[in-house]
Amino acid sequence: MSSSHVSLSPNAALEWKDGKRYLWLLGLVVPVFPFLSGALVAVTGSEWGWWFGPLVLYTVIPLMDRLIGGDRFNPPEEVVDALSKEKYYRYCVYAFVPLHYLGLIWAMYLLTSGSMGWVGSIGLVATIGIVSGVAFNTAHELGHQNSAFEMWMSKIALAPTFYGHFVVEHNRGHHVRVATPEDPASARYGESYWAFLPRTMAGGLKSAWSIERKRLARSNKSVWHWQNHNLQAWGLSVLLYAGLIAAFGWAVLPFVLAQSIYSMTLFEVINYLEHYGLCRQKNASGRYERCQPEHSWNSNHLVTNLLLYQLQRHSDHHANPTRSYQALRHFEDVPQLPSGYAGMVPLAYITPLWRRVMDAKVRAHYGGDLSLANIDPRLKKQGIGVLKSE
């Protein structure tokens, strides 16, 4: 497995500098989307300025990814340990959370002020929903660290979405079952995003509850015990929503729920594309092989990686879940997405286009042998993926 590894002498390793060190601050552009939207409205005098978030997500970022291209550079292994421990990179992630909350509160104030028309209201809800959607990635980075503080920060980051069970299901469910038919967060070959969405939402919730029930049972505690991580996360959401209602009245509830629902769909569309059709094989004992880099779709498009803390280097993340974002590596010989996540999201919405592009990539990855892929059961009933060749 090639990872473009660069080996340095001990002295050279000490002198190595991260060329993207200050570029990671670009991740903090996303939580200020509502304020940038407000600035655009002030400059243009048009309520369409509140649509700044969707405009950037669906057009500007994919265009910049295409123009700027990829980044295949990996930090040398000699510096990875020190690089991973440097607090600066953690602070870049921490800062997202308070900025997100400031934007959310400001947006809810504006939406309940009675001064906005429907065009501006929908645009602002979508904009803050995008921020909450990206907050899943912030929670993801925080939740993979062995720190009680960062685990709570992860739950706080997810409070606006009311999807805090992600912390449990992702770490102890998805990472165990990834790229298998049993994983609700791994999309199957031939499965549309619209079919995947209800399956993964229901399956993830069921899995998170089951995981905590079994964990607490080992200590003779009820699943309703306050130490249930799902209940803790949902409790934070209740507190946040209650605070917003107390501040702005019941009129805020439809807006905060709408941004939450939109954020969930954004998170799940990323889940959809990360493992589409890829499958771990079973060994002679009937157990699945260990997760390897080739069980995730990878992307090195620089702009989206800077905005998402290198989530697109997903192959290395699943092979090494606790590796910090700044140290994640590119692998040459793993499945590669044709664009960054921002460009793949609208493609996933249009099922015929998605299947035309990605089904061909899955077939190519497995040399035409779809019996090795994670196939939608409906296609298996048609005989696709059952035989060694079609």
Protein backbone atom coordinates (compact mmCIF):
# COMPACT_ATOMS: atom_id res chain seq x y z
CA MET A 1 0.00 0.00 0.00
CA SER A 2 1.65 3.21 -1.15
CA SER A 3 1.23 6.32 1.00
CA SER A 4 3.72 8.72 -0.59
CA HIS A 5 5.85 8.45 2.54
CA VAL A 6 8.79 10.78 2.88
CA SER A 7 11.60 9.71 5.22
CA LEU A 8 13.80 12.34 6.82
CA SER A 9 16.91 12.21 8.93
CA PRO A 10 16.36 13.01 12.64
CA ASN A 11 17.77 16.52 12.23
CA ALA A 12 15.72 17.21 9.13
CA ALA A 13 12.60 15.94 10.89
CA LEU A 14 13.14 18.46 13.67
CA GLU A 15 13.31 21.25 11.09
CA TRP A 16 10.20 20.14 9.14
CA LYS A 17 7.39 22.70 8.98
CA ASP A 18 3.74 22.11 8.19
CA GLY A 19 3.07 24.14 5.04
CA LYS A 20 -0.68 24.05 5.77
CA ARG A 21 -0.32 25.10 9.42
CA TYR A 22 -2.19 28.38 9.14
CA LEU A 23 -4.45 27.23 6.32
CA TRP A 24 -6.31 25.05 8.84
CA LEU A 25 -7.83 28.29 10.15
CA LEU A 26 -9.94 28.31 6.98
CA GLY A 27 -12.12 25.72 8.72
CA LEU A 28 -13.38 28.60 10.86
CA VAL A 29 -14.83 30.34 7.81
CA VAL A 30 -17.79 27.94 7.82
CA PRO A 31 -19.22 28.85 11.27
CA VAL A 32 -19.20 32.55 10.33
CA PHE A 33 -21.35 31.91 7.23
CA PRO A 34 -24.38 33.61 8.87
CA PHE A 35 -22.35 36.76 9.54
CA LEU A 36 -20.91 36.74 6.02
CA SER A 37 -24.47 36.36 4.74
CA GLY A 38 -25.50 39.40 6.77
CA ALA A 39 -22.61 41.39 5.35
CA LEU A 40 -23.67 40.42 1.82
CA VAL A 41 -27.23 41.55 2.54
CA ALA A 42 -25.94 44.86 3.90
CA VAL A 43 -23.81 45.44 0.80
CA THR A 44 -26.36 44.37 -1.81
CA GLY A 45 -29.57 45.35 -0.05
CA SER A 46 -31.07 42.05 -1.21
CA GLU A 47 -32.51 39.25 0.92
CA TRP A 48 -30.92 36.78 -1.50
CA GLY A 49 -27.69 37.50 0.36
CA TRP A 50 -28.89 35.15 3.10
CA TRP A 51 -28.38 32.31 0.59
CA PHE A 52 -24.61 32.77 0.93
CA GLY A 53 -24.17 29.33 2.55
CA PRO A 54 -25.82 27.24 -0.19
CA LEU A 55 -24.10 29.34 -2.87
CA VAL A 56 -20.68 28.62 -1.40
CA LEU A 57 -21.37 24.94 -0.65
CA TYR A 58 -22.84 23.97 -3.99
CA THR A 59 -20.90 26.19 -6.40
CA VAL A 60 -17.90 28.08 -4.99
CA ILE A 61 -16.20 25.24 -3.11
CA PRO A 62 -16.55 22.64 -5.91
CA LEU A 63 -15.20 25.21 -8.39
CA MET A 64 -12.24 26.03 -6.14
CA ASP A 65 -11.56 22.31 -5.63
CA ARG A 66 -11.42 21.88 -9.38
CA LEU A 67 -9.24 24.94 -9.98
CA ILE A 68 -6.78 24.39 -7.11
CA GLY A 69 -6.76 20.61 -7.34
CA GLY A 70 -5.41 18.02 -4.97
CA ASP A 71 -2.73 17.78 -2.32
CA ARG A 72 -0.95 14.41 -2.12
CA PHE A 73 1.73 15.47 0.32
CA ASN A 74 2.06 13.43 3.54
CA PRO A 75 3.87 14.51 6.70
CA PRO A 76 6.97 12.36 7.29
CA GLU A 77 6.43 9.61 9.83
CA GLU A 78 9.25 10.97 11.97
CA VAL A 79 7.18 14.06 12.85
CA VAL A 80 3.71 12.50 13.13
CA ASP A 81 3.84 11.93 16.89
CA ALA A 82 4.91 15.50 17.66
CA LEU A 83 2.56 16.90 15.02
CA SER A 84 -0.40 15.03 16.52
CA LYS A 85 0.31 16.35 20.02
CA GLU A 86 0.65 20.02 19.07
CA LYS A 87 -2.19 21.92 20.77
CA TYR A 88 -2.52 24.53 18.03
CA TYR A 89 -4.35 22.05 15.81
CA ARG A 90 -6.81 21.20 18.58
CA TYR A 91 -7.55 24.87 19.18
CA CYS A 92 -8.45 25.24 15.50
CA VAL A 93 -11.16 22.63 16.07
CA TYR A 94 -12.30 23.94 19.46
CA ALA A 95 -12.89 27.44 18.06
CA PHE A 96 -15.53 26.13 15.67
CA VAL A 97 -17.98 25.39 18.51
CA PRO A 98 -18.42 28.87 20.07
CA LEU A 99 -18.50 30.48 16.60
CA HIS A 100 -21.22 28.03 15.60
CA TYR A 101 -23.30 28.89 18.66
CA LEU A 102 -22.90 32.64 18.11
CA GLY A 103 -24.07 32.28 14.53
CA LEU A 104 -26.99 30.06 15.53
CA ILE A 105 -28.22 32.44 18.23
CA TRP A 106 -27.88 35.46 15.94
CA ALA A 107 -29.72 33.65 13.15
CA MET A 108 -32.57 32.68 15.47
CA TYR A 109 -32.82 36.28 16.68
CA LEU A 110 -33.14 37.53 13.10
CA LEU A 111 -35.58 34.81 12.06
CA THR A 112 -37.95 35.61 14.94
CA SER A 113 -37.61 39.40 14.66
CA GLY A 114 -40.37 39.69 12.07
CA SER A 115 -38.15 41.75 9.80
CA MET A 116 -37.30 39.06 7.24
CA GLY A 117 -39.23 37.92 4.19
CA TRP A 118 -39.63 34.30 3.17
CA VAL A 119 -36.74 34.40 0.71
CA GLY A 120 -34.32 35.60 3.35
CA SER A 121 -35.73 33.30 6.04
CA ILE A 122 -35.32 30.15 3.95
CA GLY A 123 -31.83 31.23 2.90
CA LEU A 124 -30.72 31.91 6.46
CA VAL A 125 -32.16 28.60 7.72
CA ALA A 126 -30.24 26.81 4.95
CA THR A 127 -27.07 28.74 5.75
CA ILE A 128 -27.13 27.92 9.47
CA GLY A 129 -28.15 24.36 8.58
CA ILE A 130 -24.97 24.02 6.53
CA VAL A 131 -22.94 25.21 9.53
CA SER A 132 -24.68 22.64 11.73
CA GLY A 133 -24.04 20.01 9.06
CA VAL A 134 -20.31 20.77 9.05
CA ALA A 135 -20.43 20.69 12.87
CA PHE A 136 -20.87 16.93 12.53
CA ASN A 137 -17.33 16.88 11.19
CA THR A 138 -16.09 18.96 14.12
CA ALA A 139 -17.83 16.54 16.50
CA HIS A 140 -16.31 13.66 14.55
CA GLU A 141 -12.77 14.97 15.02
CA LEU A 142 -13.34 15.69 18.72
CA GLY A 143 -15.10 12.40 19.41
CA HIS A 144 -12.17 10.29 18.20
CA GLN A 145 -9.77 11.65 20.81
CA ASN A 146 -9.19 9.92 24.15
CA SER A 147 -10.27 12.88 26.24
CA ALA A 148 -13.39 13.34 28.37
CA PHE A 149 -13.25 17.08 27.64
CA GLU A 150 -13.24 16.54 23.88
CA MET A 151 -16.01 13.94 24.15
CA TRP A 152 -18.20 16.52 25.87
CA MET A 153 -17.18 19.12 23.31
CA SER A 154 -18.30 16.68 20.63
CA LYS A 155 -21.73 16.39 22.25
CA ILE A 156 -21.99 20.17 22.57
CA ALA A 157 -21.11 20.57 18.89
CA LEU A 158 -24.01 18.24 18.01
CA ALA A 159 -26.58 19.81 20.33
CA PRO A 160 -28.01 22.14 17.63
CA THR A 161 -28.65 19.11 15.39
CA PHE A 162 -30.38 16.91 18.00
CA TYR A 163 -28.29 14.06 16.57
CA GLY A 164 -25.95 13.49 19.49
CA HIS A 165 -26.22 9.70 19.34
CA PHE A 166 -23.78 9.99 16.42
CA VAL A 167 -20.97 10.11 19.01
CA VAL A 168 -21.87 6.60 20.18
CA GLU A 169 -22.86 5.02 16.88
CA HIS A 170 -19.94 6.34 14.86
CA ASN A 171 -17.15 5.32 17.21
CA ARG A 172 -18.51 1.99 18.47
CA GLY A 173 -20.86 1.03 15.66
CA HIS A 174 -19.76 2.37 12.30
CA HIS A 175 -16.04 1.85 12.90
CA VAL A 176 -16.69 -1.77 13.86
CA ARG A 177 -19.02 -2.64 10.97
CA VAL A 178 -17.78 -0.24 8.29
CA ALA A 179 -17.94 -1.45 4.68
CA THR A 180 -20.15 -4.44 5.53
CA PRO A 181 -23.83 -5.11 4.77
CA GLU A 182 -24.54 -4.90 8.53
CA ASP A 183 -23.47 -1.24 8.76
CA PRO A 184 -26.35 1.24 8.37
CA ALA A 185 -23.84 4.01 7.59
CA SER A 186 -22.20 2.18 4.63
CA ALA A 187 -24.10 2.71 1.38
CA ARG A 188 -24.59 -0.25 -0.94
CA TYR A 189 -23.90 -0.49 -4.65
CA GLY A 190 -27.11 0.42 -6.48
CA GLU A 191 -28.69 2.09 -3.43
CA SER A 192 -29.80 5.67 -4.02
CA TYR A 193 -29.12 8.38 -1.48
CA TRP A 194 -32.88 8.74 -1.00
CA ALA A 195 -33.18 5.04 -0.07
CA PHE A 196 -30.04 5.20 2.08
CA LEU A 197 -31.21 8.23 4.09
CA PRO A 198 -34.10 6.64 6.05
CA ARG A 199 -32.18 3.35 6.39
CA THR A 200 -29.11 4.97 7.92
CA MET A 201 -31.05 7.38 10.16
CA ALA A 202 -33.20 4.62 11.64
CA GLY A 203 -30.36 2.10 11.74
CA GLY A 204 -27.94 4.52 13.39
CA LEU A 205 -30.42 5.44 16.11
CA LYS A 206 -31.24 1.80 16.81
CA SER A 207 -27.56 0.89 16.90
CA ALA A 208 -26.59 3.74 19.25
CA TRP A 209 -29.36 2.77 21.69
CA SER A 210 -28.37 -0.90 21.59
CA ILE A 211 -24.68 -0.10 22.14
CA GLU A 212 -25.40 1.95 25.25
CA ARG A 213 -27.93 -0.55 26.58
CA LYS A 214 -25.35 -3.33 26.41
CA ARG A 215 -22.59 -1.16 27.88
CA LEU A 216 -24.69 -0.11 30.86
CA ALA A 217 -26.02 -3.64 31.39
CA ARG A 218 -22.45 -4.79 32.05
CA SER A 219 -22.52 -2.50 35.11
CA ASN A 220 -26.05 -3.57 36.07
CA LYS A 221 -27.44 -0.18 35.09
CA SER A 222 -30.62 0.62 33.21
CA VAL A 223 -30.44 2.00 29.69
CA TRP A 224 -32.21 5.05 31.14
CA HIS A 225 -29.33 5.73 33.53
CA TRP A 226 -27.91 9.25 33.36
CA GLN A 227 -24.57 7.80 32.20
CA ASN A 228 -26.18 6.83 28.87
CA HIS A 229 -24.16 8.92 26.39
CA ASN A 230 -27.17 9.20 24.09
CA LEU A 231 -29.31 10.68 26.85
CA GLN A 232 -26.52 13.07 27.80
CA ALA A 233 -26.22 14.32 24.22
CA TRP A 234 -29.99 14.63 23.73
CA GLY A 235 -30.21 16.38 27.09
CA LEU A 236 -27.83 19.06 25.83
CA SER A 237 -30.08 19.53 22.80
CA VAL A 238 -33.13 19.90 25.04
CA LEU A 239 -31.33 22.52 27.13
CA LEU A 240 -30.23 24.44 24.02
CA TYR A 241 -33.68 24.37 22.43
CA ALA A 242 -35.32 25.37 25.73
CA GLY A 243 -32.88 28.28 26.02
CA LEU A 244 -33.68 29.45 22.50
CA ILE A 245 -37.42 29.21 23.18
CA ALA A 246 -37.00 31.15 26.43
CA ALA A 247 -35.06 33.85 24.60
CA PHE A 248 -37.07 34.16 21.39
CA GLY A 249 -40.42 32.49 22.07
CA TRP A 250 -42.05 29.44 20.55
CA ALA A 251 -41.78 31.03 17.11
CA VAL A 252 -38.12 29.94 17.06
CA LEU A 253 -38.93 26.23 17.17
CA PRO A 254 -39.81 25.71 13.46
CA PHE A 255 -36.60 27.47 12.43
CA VAL A 256 -34.28 25.55 14.76
CA LEU A 257 -35.93 22.26 13.79
CA ALA A 258 -35.67 23.07 10.08
CA GLN A 259 -31.95 23.80 10.29
CA SER A 260 -31.49 20.61 12.30
CA ILE A 261 -33.26 18.44 9.72
CA TYR A 262 -31.27 19.97 6.87
CA SER A 263 -28.02 19.45 8.79
CA MET A 264 -28.88 15.76 9.27
CA THR A 265 -29.37 15.27 5.54
CA LEU A 266 -26.02 16.93 4.81
CA PHE A 267 -24.26 14.70 7.30
CA GLU A 268 -25.86 11.57 5.91
CA VAL A 269 -25.06 12.42 2.30
CA ILE A 270 -21.39 12.50 3.33
CA ASN A 271 -21.86 9.10 4.97
CA TYR A 272 -23.43 7.91 1.72
CA LEU A 273 -20.44 8.72 -0.44
CA GLU A 274 -17.67 7.65 1.94
CA HIS A 275 -18.05 3.88 1.54
CA TYR A 276 -20.46 3.46 -1.38
CA GLY A 277 -20.34 -0.13 -2.66
CA LEU A 278 -17.08 -1.02 -0.89
CA CYS A 279 -16.99 -4.21 1.14
CA ARG A 280 -14.66 -6.00 3.53
CA GLN A 281 -14.36 -9.69 2.76
CA LYS A 282 -14.86 -12.55 5.20
CA ASN A 283 -11.96 -14.85 6.04
CA ALA A 284 -12.04 -18.63 6.49
CA SER A 285 -13.42 -18.28 10.02
CA GLY A 286 -16.36 -16.22 8.76
CA ARG A 287 -15.11 -12.98 10.32
CA TYR A 288 -14.64 -9.80 8.35
CA GLU A 289 -11.11 -8.79 7.49
CA ARG A 290 -9.61 -5.82 9.32
CA CYS A 291 -10.60 -2.47 7.87
CA GLN A 292 -7.99 -1.29 5.39
CA PRO A 293 -7.53 1.99 3.47
CA GLU A 294 -9.17 0.46 0.38
CA HIS A 295 -12.48 0.19 2.23
CA SER A 296 -13.14 3.94 2.03
CA TRP A 297 -13.38 6.40 -0.82
CA ASN A 298 -10.57 8.94 -0.64
CA SER A 299 -10.15 12.49 -1.93
CA ASN A 300 -7.26 14.93 -1.78
CA HIS A 301 -9.00 18.04 -3.11
CA LEU A 302 -7.30 20.69 -1.04
CA VAL A 303 -10.03 23.28 -0.42
CA THR A 304 -12.63 20.90 0.97
CA ASN A 305 -9.97 19.10 3.02
CA LEU A 306 -8.97 22.37 4.66
CA LEU A 307 -12.59 23.16 5.47
CA LEU A 308 -13.31 19.66 6.81
CA TYR A 309 -10.11 18.89 8.73
CA GLN A 310 -9.04 16.35 6.08
CA LEU A 311 -12.15 14.21 6.51
CA GLN A 312 -11.71 13.32 2.83
CA ARG A 313 -8.54 11.39 3.69
CA HIS A 314 -11.05 8.87 4.90
CA SER A 315 -9.01 5.83 3.95
CA ASP A 316 -6.32 6.59 6.52
CA HIS A 317 -8.92 7.68 9.07
CA HIS A 318 -10.63 4.28 9.09
CA ALA A 319 -7.35 2.41 9.10
CA ASN A 320 -6.11 4.62 11.99
CA PRO A 321 -9.17 6.14 13.73
CA THR A 322 -7.30 8.02 16.46
CA ARG A 323 -4.83 9.71 14.08
CA SER A 324 -5.36 13.48 14.26
CA TYR A 325 -6.53 15.26 11.14
CA GLN A 326 -3.27 17.12 10.49
CA ALA A 327 -1.38 13.81 10.31
CA LEU A 328 -3.73 11.86 8.02
CA ARG A 329 -2.06 10.42 4.92
CA HIS A 330 -2.88 10.11 1.25
CA PHE A 331 -2.73 6.64 -0.31
CA GLU A 332 -2.17 6.29 -4.04
CA ASP A 333 -3.74 2.87 -4.59
CA VAL A 334 -7.11 3.22 -2.86
CA PRO A 335 -10.51 4.13 -4.37
CA GLN A 336 -10.49 7.82 -5.29
CA LEU A 337 -13.52 10.08 -5.65
CA PRO A 338 -13.66 12.14 -8.85
CA SER A 339 -14.05 15.39 -6.89
CA GLY A 340 -14.13 16.72 -3.35
CA TYR A 341 -17.09 16.10 -1.07
CA ALA A 342 -18.65 19.45 -1.97
CA GLY A 343 -18.78 18.40 -5.61
CA MET A 344 -20.03 14.90 -4.80
CA VAL A 345 -22.99 16.06 -2.67
CA PRO A 346 -25.14 17.45 -5.51
CA LEU A 347 -24.20 14.42 -7.62
CA ALA A 348 -25.57 12.13 -4.90
CA TYR A 349 -28.91 13.95 -5.03
CA ILE A 350 -29.39 12.97 -8.70
CA THR A 351 -29.49 9.17 -8.64
CA PRO A 352 -29.02 8.45 -12.39
CA LEU A 353 -25.93 10.69 -12.56
CA TRP A 354 -24.53 9.26 -9.33
CA ARG A 355 -24.91 5.69 -10.53
CA ARG A 356 -23.44 6.47 -13.92
CA VAL A 357 -20.29 7.86 -12.29
CA MET A 358 -19.87 5.81 -9.12
CA ASP A 359 -21.17 2.40 -10.20
CA ALA A 360 -18.52 2.37 -12.90
CA LYS A 361 -15.87 3.19 -10.29
CA VAL A 362 -17.01 0.37 -8.01
CA ARG A 363 -16.94 -2.11 -10.89
CA ALA A 364 -13.47 -0.93 -11.90
CA HIS A 365 -12.19 -1.22 -8.32
CA TYR A 366 -13.30 -4.86 -8.13
CA GLY A 367 -12.25 -5.73 -11.67
CA GLY A 368 -15.86 -6.27 -12.69
CA ASP A 369 -16.46 -8.85 -9.95
CA LEU A 370 -19.43 -7.39 -8.10
CA SER A 371 -19.62 -10.41 -5.82
CA LEU A 372 -16.87 -8.60 -3.88
CA ALA A 373 -18.92 -5.41 -3.48
CA ASN A 374 -21.52 -4.37 -0.91
CA ILE A 375 -24.61 -4.85 -3.09
CA ASP A 376 -28.13 -3.54 -2.57
CA PRO A 377 -30.27 -6.64 -1.76
CA ARG A 378 -32.74 -5.60 -4.46
CA LEU A 379 -30.02 -5.99 -7.08
CA LYS A 380 -28.99 -9.34 -5.63
CA LYS A 381 -32.52 -10.57 -6.24
CA GLN A 382 -31.89 -9.74 -9.89
CA GLY A 383 -28.72 -11.84 -9.84
CA ILE A 384 -26.33 -8.85 -9.81
CA GLY A 385 -23.33 -9.45 -7.60
CA VAL A 386 -24.23 -13.07 -6.91
CA LEU A 387 -22.02 -14.71 -9.53
CA LYS A 388 -18.33 -14.09 -10.08
CA SER A 389 -19.09 -12.35 -13.35
CA GLU A 390 -22.20 -10.81 -14.85
